[in-house]
Amino acid sequence: MNAEFWVAVFAAGVALIALISSAVSAARARVKTIEDAYIARYWQILDGFPSLALVAEDGTACSSEELKAVRLYLRLCEDELELRELGWVGGETWEQWRPGIRAQLNQWLVAAEWALIRDCHRAPHQFMLLRELDATPDYDPYRHRPYIGRFTRQWRGL
């Protein structure tokens, strides 16, 4: 084996490392873009909440537009759980989102509507992941996927 062969092997190795690095960077950028879009949607939905709900104080009955905002918020939470299950929300972000979602489920305005959904009086076949999160404080839908290996989670940073 001559020097040309080893130079070609080295060049192929460098190209492979560059390809893998590029793929990892692209995957992380994609996850960050999705997270940012959901954060923007969260703030947009919160604009529809009454001001008392934003400071965690109880209020009176809410208007139909405020109820719509609550339902959109619950749908957003379920979507975020689904994205986490698929690996589209990173581990650090999930560790920030999870306690926020759980806290909001117990605060006025959201709590009343959530109780009806949680107890299957409304949407009995929806919000399954959100029900699981409410029942299990440390629930992580991504970690409960048996076919995702530890190495894959570490490689993707999830």
Protein backbone atom coordinates (compact mmCIF):
# COMPACT_ATOMS: atom_id res chain seq x y z
CA MET A 1 0.00 0.00 0.00
CA ASN A 2 1.43 3.25 -1.09
CA ALA A 3 1.08 6.81 0.17
CA GLU A 4 -1.63 7.64 -2.37
CA PHE A 5 -3.89 4.97 -0.88
CA TRP A 6 -3.48 6.34 2.65
CA VAL A 7 -4.07 9.89 1.49
CA ALA A 8 -7.30 8.74 -0.19
CA VAL A 9 -8.39 6.88 2.97
CA PHE A 10 -7.62 9.93 5.11
CA ALA A 11 -9.52 12.23 2.71
CA ALA A 12 -12.51 9.87 2.74
CA GLY A 13 -12.44 9.83 6.55
CA VAL A 14 -12.37 13.62 6.71
CA ALA A 15 -15.25 13.82 4.22
CA LEU A 16 -17.27 11.32 6.26
CA ILE A 17 -16.69 13.29 9.46
CA ALA A 18 -17.71 16.51 7.71
CA LEU A 19 -20.86 14.85 6.38
CA ILE A 20 -21.87 13.53 9.80
CA SER A 21 -21.13 16.87 11.45
CA SER A 22 -23.23 18.67 8.87
CA ALA A 23 -26.14 16.26 9.35
CA VAL A 24 -26.04 16.68 13.14
CA SER A 25 -25.94 20.48 12.81
CA ALA A 26 -28.87 20.44 10.39
CA ALA A 27 -30.92 18.22 12.74
CA ARG A 28 -30.24 20.51 15.69
CA ALA A 29 -31.13 23.58 13.64
CA ARG A 30 -34.39 21.94 12.57
CA VAL A 31 -35.28 21.15 16.20
CA LYS A 32 -34.47 24.72 17.25
CA THR A 33 -36.64 26.15 14.46
CA ILE A 34 -39.60 24.01 15.54
CA GLU A 35 -39.11 24.95 19.20
CA ASP A 36 -38.99 28.64 18.32
CA ALA A 37 -42.19 28.37 16.27
CA TYR A 38 -44.03 26.74 19.18
CA ILE A 39 -42.78 29.35 21.62
CA ALA A 40 -44.10 32.08 19.32
CA ARG A 41 -47.45 30.28 19.09
CA TYR A 42 -47.56 29.98 22.90
CA TRP A 43 -47.24 33.75 23.33
CA GLN A 44 -49.81 34.35 20.62
CA ILE A 45 -52.33 32.12 22.43
CA LEU A 46 -51.59 33.73 25.79
CA ASP A 47 -52.65 37.06 24.30
CA GLY A 48 -56.18 35.64 24.32
CA PHE A 49 -56.14 34.85 28.06
CA PRO A 50 -57.75 37.30 30.50
CA SER A 51 -55.24 39.36 32.47
CA LEU A 52 -56.09 37.66 35.78
CA ALA A 53 -55.12 34.27 34.34
CA LEU A 54 -51.72 35.66 33.38
CA VAL A 55 -50.93 36.38 37.03
CA ALA A 56 -52.43 33.09 38.29
CA GLU A 57 -55.41 34.69 40.02
CA ASP A 58 -58.90 33.27 39.91
CA GLY A 59 -61.53 35.16 38.03
CA THR A 60 -65.10 34.79 36.98
CA ALA A 61 -66.55 33.03 33.98
CA CYS A 62 -64.66 33.59 30.77
CA SER A 63 -65.88 34.72 27.38
CA SER A 64 -66.11 32.43 24.39
CA GLU A 65 -62.90 33.94 22.95
CA GLU A 66 -61.05 33.29 26.21
CA LEU A 67 -62.36 29.71 26.27
CA LYS A 68 -61.16 29.32 22.70
CA ALA A 69 -57.70 30.50 23.80
CA VAL A 70 -57.69 27.91 26.60
CA ARG A 71 -58.60 25.13 24.20
CA LEU A 72 -55.94 26.31 21.75
CA TYR A 73 -53.44 26.27 24.60
CA LEU A 74 -54.35 22.69 25.50
CA ARG A 75 -54.05 21.67 21.84
CA LEU A 76 -50.66 23.40 21.70
CA CYS A 77 -49.52 21.42 24.75
CA GLU A 78 -50.63 18.14 23.17
CA ASP A 79 -48.82 19.07 19.97
CA GLU A 80 -45.67 19.83 21.94
CA LEU A 81 -45.90 16.42 23.61
CA GLU A 82 -46.32 14.77 20.21
CA LEU A 83 -43.30 16.64 18.87
CA ARG A 84 -41.26 15.57 21.90
CA GLU A 85 -42.37 11.98 21.32
CA LEU A 86 -41.05 12.20 17.76
CA GLY A 87 -37.77 13.76 18.87
CA TRP A 88 -38.48 17.22 17.48
CA VAL A 89 -38.14 18.94 20.87
CA GLY A 90 -34.76 18.79 22.57
CA GLY A 91 -34.14 17.55 26.09
CA GLU A 92 -33.15 20.92 27.55
CA THR A 93 -36.23 22.59 26.09
CA TRP A 94 -38.46 19.78 27.33
CA GLU A 95 -37.07 20.19 30.85
CA GLN A 96 -38.26 23.82 30.72
CA TRP A 97 -41.61 23.17 29.04
CA ARG A 98 -42.75 20.23 31.18
CA PRO A 99 -43.08 22.07 34.53
CA GLY A 100 -44.68 25.06 32.82
CA ILE A 101 -47.32 22.91 31.17
CA ARG A 102 -48.03 21.07 34.42
CA ALA A 103 -48.33 24.32 36.37
CA GLN A 104 -50.71 25.86 33.83
CA LEU A 105 -53.00 22.82 33.97
CA ASN A 106 -53.69 23.66 37.62
CA GLN A 107 -54.30 27.39 37.25
CA TRP A 108 -57.63 29.11 36.82
CA LEU A 109 -59.10 29.25 33.41
CA VAL A 110 -57.08 26.32 32.10
CA ALA A 111 -57.80 24.11 35.13
CA ALA A 112 -61.57 24.21 34.71
CA GLU A 113 -61.50 23.24 31.05
CA TRP A 114 -58.71 20.74 31.62
CA ALA A 115 -60.68 18.96 34.36
CA LEU A 116 -63.49 18.28 31.89
CA ILE A 117 -61.06 16.97 29.28
CA ARG A 118 -58.88 15.02 31.74
CA ASP A 119 -61.91 13.22 33.14
CA CYS A 120 -63.10 12.36 29.59
CA HIS A 121 -66.24 14.52 29.71
CA ARG A 122 -64.85 16.25 26.61
CA ALA A 123 -62.58 14.91 23.88
CA PRO A 124 -62.28 11.40 25.37
CA HIS A 125 -60.07 10.12 22.56
CA GLN A 126 -57.80 13.15 22.40
CA PHE A 127 -55.13 14.64 24.67
CA MET A 128 -53.78 11.23 25.67
CA LEU A 129 -50.21 12.45 26.09
CA LEU A 130 -51.34 15.47 28.10
CA ARG A 131 -53.34 13.19 30.39
CA GLU A 132 -50.22 11.08 30.91
CA LEU A 133 -48.13 14.16 31.71
CA ASP A 134 -50.75 15.34 34.20
CA ALA A 135 -50.76 11.94 35.92
CA THR A 136 -46.98 11.43 35.90
CA PRO A 137 -44.90 14.49 36.90
CA ASP A 138 -41.64 13.35 35.28
CA TYR A 139 -43.26 11.98 32.12
CA ASP A 140 -41.21 12.33 28.96
CA PRO A 141 -42.91 10.95 25.85
CA TYR A 142 -39.59 10.62 24.04
CA ARG A 143 -38.07 8.43 26.75
CA HIS A 144 -41.10 6.16 26.72
CA ARG A 145 -40.50 5.09 23.14
CA PRO A 146 -38.90 1.63 23.48
CA TYR A 147 -37.44 1.61 19.98
CA ILE A 148 -35.29 4.70 20.55
CA GLY A 149 -31.97 3.57 21.87
CA ARG A 150 -29.79 5.36 24.39
CA PHE A 151 -27.08 5.98 21.80
CA THR A 152 -29.57 7.60 19.42
CA ARG A 153 -30.86 9.92 22.15
CA GLN A 154 -27.34 10.97 23.12
CA TRP A 155 -26.28 11.49 19.50
CA ARG A 156 -29.30 13.71 18.81
CA GLY A 157 -28.94 15.55 22.12
CA LEU A 158 -32.43 14.61 23.31
